[in-house]
Amino acid sequence: MIDKYSPLPIYYQIEEAIKGRIEKGELQEGEMIPSEREYAETYGISRMTVRQAITNLVNDGYLTRRKGKGTFVANQKIEQRLGLTSFTEDMKARGLKPSTKLIDFQISEARGKIAAGLGIHPGDEIYEIQRVRLADNIPMALETTYLAADLVKGLNQRIVQGSLYQFVEEELGLNIDYATQELEASVARETESEVLRIAKGTPVLLIRRYTYLKDGRPLELVQSIYRGDRYKFIIDMQRG
């Protein structure tokens, strides 16, 4: 119900009403919502007010507009707490089927920031791996990983199409300890838009992760580009 005498703006009340139906499961993913005209007639308000509410929900990722068809409930974002788990582990924990599409696997020479991040000398050999990470066959992230070749001997294309962390810990006997991560907002460039199946210029999340072993040695440097429309990260913080 809309309370026209409430201090809360009417468009905000409509937003909360639609959002509440989505969160309760009354409106399912992919379901078309009523038109602006229908909402306006139901509540006795202007279409402009309805349009503002729906636009805000589109911008917040709850709804999506399809040209010539209408407005639909968007696929809800996958929530991930920032922690030291692999993509494979994280998707399995959510009941999703993880898979990997290998784009590039090569041995190259470390340069500049990559050499510094891995604690090796410029010119030392590194593995450079680029993969698309998928959940239930939907591309979620484009991931580029750099590892010192001397540290992960025996790495091959078959291994990196699964869980790299599982290989490192179970096959190589290395103990992963902690990581530092940098997050920033970005937009999809042409290559990223193609592999992630999103439009060029779509907002994405750029994450750089530096992972370390228990003995202090750097294990990897990873740059990941996550789809902003399908992913959100949660950070737990504690004062002091």
Protein backbone atom coordinates (compact mmCIF):
# COMPACT_ATOMS: atom_id res chain seq x y z
CA MET A 1 0.00 0.00 0.00
CA ILE A 2 1.10 3.56 -0.71
CA ASP A 3 0.65 6.19 2.02
CA LYS A 4 0.34 9.56 0.31
CA TYR A 5 0.53 11.32 3.69
CA SER A 6 3.79 9.66 4.68
CA PRO A 7 6.97 11.79 4.84
CA LEU A 8 8.61 9.09 2.70
CA PRO A 9 8.53 9.97 -1.03
CA ILE A 10 5.98 7.96 -2.99
CA TYR A 11 8.60 6.72 -5.48
CA TYR A 12 10.61 5.35 -2.53
CA GLN A 13 7.54 3.52 -1.17
CA ILE A 14 7.01 1.92 -4.58
CA GLU A 15 10.67 0.90 -4.72
CA GLU A 16 10.42 -0.77 -1.32
CA ALA A 17 7.18 -2.52 -2.24
CA ILE A 18 8.63 -4.01 -5.43
CA LYS A 19 11.94 -4.83 -3.75
CA GLY A 20 10.08 -6.57 -0.91
CA ARG A 21 8.15 -8.77 -3.35
CA ILE A 22 11.42 -9.76 -5.06
CA GLU A 23 13.17 -10.57 -1.78
CA LYS A 24 10.19 -12.63 -0.57
CA GLY A 25 10.14 -14.58 -3.83
CA GLU A 26 6.74 -13.28 -4.89
CA LEU A 27 8.40 -11.93 -8.03
CA GLN A 28 10.79 -14.47 -9.55
CA GLU A 29 13.94 -13.92 -11.62
CA GLY A 30 13.02 -13.30 -15.25
CA GLU A 31 9.39 -12.45 -14.43
CA MET A 32 7.93 -9.35 -16.07
CA ILE A 33 6.55 -6.74 -13.67
CA PRO A 34 3.43 -4.63 -14.37
CA SER A 35 3.84 -1.65 -16.68
CA GLU A 36 4.31 1.92 -15.50
CA ARG A 37 0.73 2.64 -16.58
CA GLU A 38 -0.64 -0.25 -14.51
CA TYR A 39 1.25 0.86 -11.40
CA ALA A 40 0.10 4.45 -11.92
CA GLU A 41 -3.54 3.39 -12.22
CA THR A 42 -3.34 1.01 -9.26
CA TYR A 43 -1.89 3.62 -6.88
CA GLY A 44 -3.49 6.72 -8.40
CA ILE A 45 -0.15 8.41 -9.02
CA SER A 46 1.72 9.80 -12.01
CA ARG A 47 3.68 7.60 -14.40
CA MET A 48 6.68 9.88 -13.84
CA THR A 49 6.73 8.87 -10.16
CA VAL A 50 6.52 5.19 -11.10
CA ARG A 51 9.26 5.63 -13.70
CA GLN A 52 11.60 7.12 -11.08
CA ALA A 53 11.05 4.15 -8.76
CA ILE A 54 11.63 1.59 -11.51
CA THR A 55 14.71 3.42 -12.82
CA ASN A 56 16.22 3.35 -9.31
CA LEU A 57 15.56 -0.40 -9.06
CA VAL A 58 17.15 -0.95 -12.48
CA ASN A 59 20.22 1.02 -11.38
CA ASP A 60 20.40 -1.01 -8.16
CA GLY A 61 20.31 -4.30 -10.10
CA TYR A 62 16.86 -5.50 -8.97
CA LEU A 63 15.20 -5.00 -12.35
CA THR A 64 16.29 -4.97 -15.98
CA ARG A 65 14.67 -3.35 -19.00
CA ARG A 66 14.34 -5.21 -22.30
CA LYS A 67 13.75 -2.95 -25.26
CA GLY A 68 10.35 -3.48 -26.80
CA LYS A 69 9.37 -6.10 -24.21
CA GLY A 70 9.10 -4.53 -20.76
CA THR A 71 10.78 -4.57 -17.37
CA PHE A 72 11.79 -7.86 -15.73
CA VAL A 73 13.18 -9.06 -12.41
CA ALA A 74 16.94 -9.26 -12.87
CA ASN A 75 19.08 -12.26 -12.01
CA GLN A 76 20.11 -11.67 -8.44
CA LYS A 77 23.78 -11.12 -7.72
CA ILE A 78 25.98 -13.79 -6.20
CA GLU A 79 27.20 -12.68 -2.79
CA GLN A 80 30.79 -13.47 -1.90
CA ARG A 81 32.54 -12.62 1.33
CA LEU A 82 36.07 -11.57 0.62
CA GLY A 83 38.18 -14.42 1.91
CA LEU A 84 40.91 -16.80 0.86
CA THR A 85 38.86 -19.34 -1.08
CA SER A 86 39.15 -20.33 -4.71
CA PHE A 87 36.42 -19.60 -7.23
CA THR A 88 35.74 -23.34 -7.49
CA GLU A 89 35.33 -23.72 -3.72
CA ASP A 90 33.12 -20.65 -3.50
CA MET A 91 30.72 -21.68 -6.27
CA LYS A 92 30.38 -25.24 -4.93
CA ALA A 93 29.53 -23.83 -1.50
CA ARG A 94 26.63 -21.97 -3.14
CA GLY A 95 25.31 -25.03 -4.92
CA LEU A 96 26.46 -23.77 -8.32
CA LYS A 97 28.44 -25.78 -10.85
CA PRO A 98 31.82 -24.12 -11.43
CA SER A 99 33.69 -24.48 -14.69
CA THR A 100 36.64 -22.87 -16.40
CA LYS A 101 37.35 -21.87 -19.97
CA LEU A 102 41.08 -21.58 -20.58
CA ILE A 103 41.95 -18.69 -22.88
CA ASP A 104 45.73 -18.59 -22.56
CA PHE A 105 48.45 -20.61 -20.84
CA GLN A 106 52.06 -19.69 -21.41
CA ILE A 107 55.49 -19.32 -19.85
CA SER A 108 56.86 -15.81 -20.13
CA GLU A 109 59.41 -13.54 -18.46
CA ALA A 110 58.47 -11.50 -15.40
CA ARG A 111 58.51 -7.75 -15.80
CA GLY A 112 58.15 -4.74 -13.49
CA LYS A 113 55.28 -4.92 -11.04
CA ILE A 114 54.65 -8.60 -11.73
CA ALA A 115 58.22 -9.55 -10.80
CA ALA A 116 58.02 -7.36 -7.70
CA GLY A 117 54.64 -8.80 -6.69
CA LEU A 118 55.95 -12.37 -6.98
CA GLY A 119 59.22 -11.58 -5.19
CA ILE A 120 61.37 -12.68 -8.12
CA HIS A 121 63.85 -11.02 -10.45
CA PRO A 122 62.87 -9.38 -13.75
CA GLY A 123 63.45 -11.94 -16.50
CA ASP A 124 62.63 -14.95 -14.29
CA GLU A 125 60.16 -17.37 -15.83
CA ILE A 126 56.51 -17.17 -14.82
CA TYR A 127 53.28 -18.92 -15.71
CA GLU A 128 50.74 -16.54 -17.19
CA ILE A 129 47.22 -17.97 -17.21
CA GLN A 130 44.04 -16.36 -18.45
CA ARG A 131 40.75 -18.04 -17.68
CA VAL A 132 37.04 -17.32 -17.82
CA ARG A 133 35.36 -18.53 -14.65
CA LEU A 134 31.76 -19.73 -15.04
CA ALA A 135 28.95 -20.68 -12.67
CA ASP A 136 26.20 -22.85 -14.14
CA ASN A 137 27.71 -22.03 -17.55
CA ILE A 138 27.29 -18.27 -17.04
CA PRO A 139 30.58 -16.33 -17.32
CA MET A 140 31.25 -14.52 -14.04
CA ALA A 141 34.84 -13.33 -14.24
CA LEU A 142 37.87 -12.97 -16.48
CA GLU A 143 40.90 -13.94 -14.44
CA THR A 144 44.60 -13.48 -15.23
CA THR A 145 47.02 -15.28 -12.88
CA TYR A 146 50.79 -14.98 -12.62
CA LEU A 147 52.93 -17.53 -10.73
CA ALA A 148 56.69 -18.06 -10.46
CA ALA A 149 57.56 -21.09 -12.61
CA ASP A 150 60.10 -22.41 -10.08
CA LEU A 151 57.47 -22.46 -7.35
CA VAL A 152 54.73 -24.44 -9.09
CA LYS A 153 56.65 -26.98 -11.14
CA GLY A 154 54.52 -29.40 -13.11
CA LEU A 155 51.67 -26.96 -13.69
CA ASN A 156 49.82 -27.67 -16.93
CA GLN A 157 46.69 -26.75 -18.84
CA ARG A 158 44.65 -29.60 -17.42
CA ILE A 159 45.33 -28.53 -13.84
CA VAL A 160 44.42 -24.87 -14.34
CA GLN A 161 41.04 -25.81 -15.78
CA GLY A 162 40.15 -27.02 -12.30
CA SER A 163 41.15 -25.72 -8.87
CA LEU A 164 44.65 -24.27 -8.78
CA TYR A 165 44.59 -24.05 -4.98
CA GLN A 166 43.82 -27.76 -4.70
CA PHE A 167 46.90 -28.56 -6.82
CA VAL A 168 49.11 -26.20 -4.81
CA GLU A 169 48.05 -27.59 -1.45
CA GLU A 170 47.46 -31.28 -2.17
CA GLU A 171 49.97 -32.02 -4.93
CA LEU A 172 52.78 -29.59 -4.13
CA GLY A 173 52.29 -29.62 -0.35
CA LEU A 174 52.43 -25.82 -0.08
CA ASN A 175 50.46 -24.09 2.67
CA ILE A 176 48.51 -21.01 1.59
CA ASP A 177 48.32 -18.48 4.40
CA TYR A 178 46.83 -15.08 3.51
CA ALA A 179 46.21 -12.58 0.75
CA THR A 180 45.80 -8.86 0.24
CA GLN A 181 43.24 -7.54 -2.23
CA GLU A 182 42.66 -4.28 -4.02
CA LEU A 183 39.18 -3.45 -5.35
CA GLU A 184 38.19 -0.75 -7.77
CA ALA A 185 35.37 0.07 -10.14
CA SER A 186 35.97 -0.14 -13.87
CA VAL A 187 34.14 -0.67 -17.16
CA ALA A 188 34.35 -3.56 -19.60
CA ARG A 189 36.61 -3.07 -22.57
CA GLU A 190 35.97 -4.80 -25.89
CA THR A 191 37.80 -8.06 -25.11
CA GLU A 192 36.27 -8.30 -21.65
CA SER A 193 32.78 -7.63 -22.97
CA GLU A 194 33.13 -10.45 -25.49
CA VAL A 195 34.24 -13.14 -23.05
CA LEU A 196 31.87 -12.08 -20.26
CA ARG A 197 28.93 -11.63 -22.68
CA ILE A 198 28.19 -8.09 -21.58
CA ALA A 199 28.05 -4.79 -23.44
CA LYS A 200 31.20 -2.73 -23.83
CA GLY A 201 31.30 -0.07 -21.13
CA THR A 202 29.27 -2.14 -18.65
CA PRO A 203 30.37 -1.58 -15.02
CA VAL A 204 32.69 -4.29 -13.70
CA LEU A 205 34.63 -4.94 -10.49
CA LEU A 206 38.40 -5.07 -10.83
CA ILE A 207 40.20 -7.04 -8.11
CA ARG A 208 43.93 -7.57 -7.70
CA ARG A 209 44.98 -10.25 -5.24
CA TYR A 210 48.43 -11.04 -3.87
CA THR A 211 48.49 -14.46 -2.19
CA TYR A 212 51.21 -15.65 0.19
CA LEU A 213 52.37 -18.97 1.62
CA LYS A 214 52.92 -19.65 5.33
CA ASP A 215 56.68 -19.27 4.87
CA GLY A 216 56.11 -15.74 3.54
CA ARG A 217 56.78 -16.43 -0.13
CA PRO A 218 54.37 -14.89 -2.66
CA LEU A 219 52.34 -17.57 -4.42
CA GLU A 220 50.41 -15.63 -7.04
CA LEU A 221 49.33 -12.31 -8.40
CA VAL A 222 45.78 -12.39 -9.80
CA GLN A 223 43.81 -9.74 -11.63
CA SER A 224 40.11 -10.55 -11.91
CA ILE A 225 37.36 -8.67 -13.69
CA TYR A 226 33.94 -9.58 -12.29
CA ARG A 227 30.60 -8.79 -13.86
CA GLY A 228 29.04 -5.99 -11.85
CA ASP A 229 25.54 -7.18 -12.74
CA ARG A 230 26.04 -10.69 -11.32
CA TYR A 231 28.43 -10.25 -8.42
CA LYS A 232 28.72 -8.32 -5.20
CA PHE A 233 31.33 -8.63 -2.49
CA ILE A 234 30.77 -8.50 1.25
CA ILE A 235 33.51 -7.42 3.65
CA ASP A 236 33.32 -8.24 7.36
CA MET A 237 35.07 -5.63 9.51
CA GLN A 238 35.82 -5.45 13.20
CA ARG A 239 36.71 -2.33 15.12
CA GLY A 240 40.19 -2.51 16.61
